[in-house]
Amino acid sequence: MLVRAVLAGQNTAYGKLYDRYAPLVRAICYDSTRNLADAQDVAQDAFVRAYEKLDRLRDPELFGRWVAAIARTRCKEWQREKSRRQEKYSQLNDAKSAIEDYSDEGQIERLRQEIAKLPEKERLVLHTFYLQGSSADNACKILGLSRSGFYRVLERARKQLALLLAQKEQDVR
């Protein structure tokens, strides 16, 4: 009955649906995220999606099962997003560790010489993010790049620098 009321334009009825099923949806989300704040965010997303697609629900009596299925789907998406973020940050941390390993002055100078061979955009990204220690968000602002553009340039710079360092290592041997 509440679903039909929402579809008839009584939006306050959705609040009642939310109150009734939110504990279940949050439990599903917490089981997946293992973090209360993330679980609440994912649960909220699930309810927004359910509201937007409410007219597609064939049997209004099955709203609880339906919103739970939406929550499970949203949790899977959240897990994939989290995995991608962790992979990206782990690559960045690996690169940062590699740069930090050049602790002796001669190695730092060698690193600077190799960075100087990179195109300007790549040099600026490396200097801003690693050598000046700016956060990714701050580096994006400084360089006027979108977040995804920044990470693309950073990835390209890291790969080019790794190739230059490997070539230099072979030349030394």
Protein backbone atom coordinates (compact mmCIF):
# COMPACT_ATOMS: atom_id res chain seq x y z
CA MET A 1 0.00 0.00 0.00
CA LEU A 2 2.85 2.40 0.78
CA VAL A 3 4.45 1.79 -2.62
CA ARG A 4 1.19 2.61 -4.35
CA ALA A 5 0.88 5.77 -2.25
CA VAL A 6 4.36 6.92 -3.30
CA LEU A 7 3.54 6.21 -6.94
CA ALA A 8 0.34 8.23 -6.49
CA GLY A 9 2.43 11.22 -5.41
CA GLN A 10 2.43 10.86 -1.62
CA ASN A 11 6.18 11.19 -1.12
CA THR A 12 5.87 11.08 2.66
CA ALA A 13 4.90 7.43 2.27
CA TYR A 14 8.45 6.74 1.06
CA GLY A 15 9.70 7.92 4.43
CA LYS A 16 7.61 5.20 6.04
CA LEU A 17 9.04 2.62 3.65
CA TYR A 18 12.50 3.89 4.50
CA ASP A 19 11.86 3.67 8.23
CA ARG A 20 10.55 0.14 7.87
CA TYR A 21 13.36 -1.27 5.69
CA ALA A 22 16.39 0.90 6.55
CA PRO A 23 17.61 -1.40 9.35
CA LEU A 24 17.64 -4.37 6.97
CA VAL A 25 19.35 -2.44 4.17
CA ARG A 26 21.96 -0.96 6.55
CA ALA A 27 22.66 -4.45 7.92
CA ILE A 28 23.20 -5.78 4.41
CA CYS A 29 25.50 -2.86 3.62
CA TYR A 30 27.42 -3.14 6.89
CA ASP A 31 27.96 -6.84 6.25
CA SER A 32 29.63 -5.90 2.97
CA THR A 33 31.54 -2.75 3.97
CA ARG A 34 32.43 -3.56 7.59
CA ASN A 35 32.34 0.18 8.24
CA LEU A 36 29.35 2.05 9.65
CA ALA A 37 29.86 5.29 7.70
CA ASP A 38 30.36 3.46 4.41
CA ALA A 39 27.37 1.23 5.14
CA GLN A 40 25.16 4.25 5.72
CA ASP A 41 26.34 5.87 2.47
CA VAL A 42 25.76 2.72 0.45
CA ALA A 43 22.37 2.17 2.07
CA GLN A 44 21.37 5.73 1.25
CA ASP A 45 22.41 5.15 -2.38
CA ALA A 46 20.32 1.99 -2.45
CA PHE A 47 17.23 3.83 -1.23
CA VAL A 48 17.75 6.63 -3.75
CA ARG A 49 18.00 4.07 -6.55
CA ALA A 50 14.90 2.30 -5.28
CA TYR A 51 12.99 5.58 -5.24
CA GLU A 52 14.10 6.46 -8.76
CA LYS A 53 13.05 3.04 -10.08
CA LEU A 54 9.97 2.50 -7.93
CA ASP A 55 7.68 2.52 -10.95
CA ARG A 56 9.50 -0.61 -12.21
CA LEU A 57 8.57 -2.68 -9.17
CA ARG A 58 6.06 -5.24 -10.43
CA ASP A 59 4.73 -6.44 -7.09
CA PRO A 60 4.55 -3.66 -4.45
CA GLU A 61 4.22 -6.29 -1.72
CA LEU A 62 7.82 -7.37 -2.47
CA PHE A 63 9.37 -3.95 -1.81
CA GLY A 64 11.52 -5.29 1.05
CA ARG A 65 13.10 -8.03 -1.06
CA TRP A 66 13.49 -5.63 -3.97
CA VAL A 67 15.26 -2.91 -2.00
CA ALA A 68 17.46 -5.55 -0.36
CA ALA A 69 18.49 -6.79 -3.82
CA ILE A 70 19.28 -3.22 -4.87
CA ALA A 71 21.38 -2.85 -1.70
CA ARG A 72 23.31 -6.05 -2.48
CA THR A 73 24.00 -4.82 -6.02
CA ARG A 74 25.14 -1.45 -4.71
CA CYS A 75 27.43 -3.22 -2.21
CA LYS A 76 29.07 -5.18 -5.02
CA GLU A 77 29.64 -1.94 -6.92
CA TRP A 78 31.10 -0.38 -3.78
CA GLN A 79 33.48 -3.33 -3.37
CA ARG A 80 34.69 -2.95 -6.98
CA GLU A 81 35.18 0.81 -6.52
CA LYS A 82 37.08 0.21 -3.30
CA SER A 83 39.28 -2.38 -4.98
CA ARG A 84 40.11 0.04 -7.80
CA ARG A 85 40.95 2.81 -5.32
CA GLN A 86 43.16 0.49 -3.29
CA GLU A 87 44.98 -0.68 -6.42
CA LYS A 88 45.57 2.89 -7.55
CA TYR A 89 46.79 3.99 -4.12
CA SER A 90 49.02 0.96 -3.75
CA GLN A 91 50.68 1.78 -7.09
CA LEU A 92 51.17 5.37 -5.95
CA ASN A 93 52.61 4.23 -2.63
CA ASP A 94 54.99 1.86 -4.42
CA ALA A 95 56.21 4.70 -6.60
CA LYS A 96 56.55 7.02 -3.63
CA SER A 97 58.56 4.37 -1.78
CA ALA A 98 60.83 3.94 -4.78
CA ILE A 99 61.49 7.67 -4.87
CA GLU A 100 62.03 7.80 -1.10
CA ASP A 101 64.57 4.96 -1.37
CA TYR A 102 66.93 7.40 -3.06
CA SER A 103 68.11 8.77 0.26
CA ASP A 104 71.76 9.45 -0.49
CA GLU A 105 72.57 12.78 -2.18
CA GLY A 106 74.15 11.19 -5.26
CA GLN A 107 71.07 9.08 -5.87
CA ILE A 108 68.77 12.07 -5.36
CA GLU A 109 70.77 14.05 -7.91
CA ARG A 110 70.62 11.12 -10.35
CA LEU A 111 66.86 10.95 -9.86
CA ARG A 112 66.53 14.69 -10.51
CA GLN A 113 68.59 14.35 -13.69
CA GLU A 114 66.31 11.60 -14.97
CA ILE A 115 63.18 13.56 -14.04
CA ALA A 116 64.59 16.53 -15.99
CA LYS A 117 64.49 14.38 -19.15
CA LEU A 118 60.71 13.94 -18.90
CA PRO A 119 58.21 16.20 -20.70
CA GLU A 120 57.16 19.28 -18.72
CA LYS A 121 53.72 18.04 -17.65
CA GLU A 122 55.15 14.78 -16.28
CA ARG A 123 57.98 16.64 -14.49
CA LEU A 124 55.51 19.01 -12.84
CA VAL A 125 53.27 16.17 -11.67
CA LEU A 126 56.21 14.30 -10.11
CA HIS A 127 57.63 17.43 -8.48
CA THR A 128 54.29 18.55 -7.09
CA PHE A 129 53.09 15.19 -5.82
CA TYR A 130 56.27 13.42 -4.69
CA LEU A 131 59.01 15.96 -4.21
CA GLN A 132 56.88 18.73 -2.71
CA GLY A 133 54.58 16.26 -0.95
CA SER A 134 51.31 17.85 -2.08
CA SER A 135 48.14 15.82 -1.75
CA ALA A 136 46.57 14.56 -4.97
CA ASP A 137 43.71 17.05 -4.60
CA ASN A 138 46.10 19.94 -4.05
CA ALA A 139 48.32 18.84 -6.94
CA CYS A 140 45.23 18.76 -9.20
CA LYS A 141 44.40 22.33 -8.25
CA ILE A 142 47.97 23.54 -8.67
CA LEU A 143 48.36 21.92 -12.08
CA GLY A 144 44.83 22.62 -13.31
CA LEU A 145 44.09 18.95 -13.98
CA SER A 146 41.04 16.86 -13.25
CA ARG A 147 41.59 14.05 -10.75
CA SER A 148 41.54 11.39 -13.46
CA GLY A 149 43.77 13.51 -15.71
CA PHE A 150 46.23 13.94 -12.87
CA TYR A 151 46.43 10.20 -12.24
CA ARG A 152 46.86 9.47 -15.96
CA VAL A 153 49.79 11.92 -16.20
CA LEU A 154 51.26 10.59 -12.95
CA GLU A 155 51.05 7.01 -14.20
CA ARG A 156 52.67 7.97 -17.50
CA ALA A 157 55.43 9.90 -15.67
CA ARG A 158 56.14 6.98 -13.33
CA LYS A 159 56.44 4.56 -16.25
CA GLN A 160 58.72 6.89 -18.21
CA LEU A 161 60.87 7.52 -15.15
CA ALA A 162 61.12 3.79 -14.44
CA LEU A 163 62.31 3.21 -18.02
CA LEU A 164 64.90 6.00 -17.76
CA LEU A 165 66.19 4.65 -14.45
CA ALA A 166 66.36 1.10 -15.83
CA GLN A 167 68.31 2.35 -18.89
CA LYS A 168 70.66 4.32 -16.66
CA GLU A 169 71.18 1.22 -14.51
CA GLN A 170 72.08 -0.84 -17.59
CA ASP A 171 74.45 1.88 -18.82
CA VAL A 172 76.25 1.85 -15.46
CA ARG A 173 76.80 -1.92 -15.65
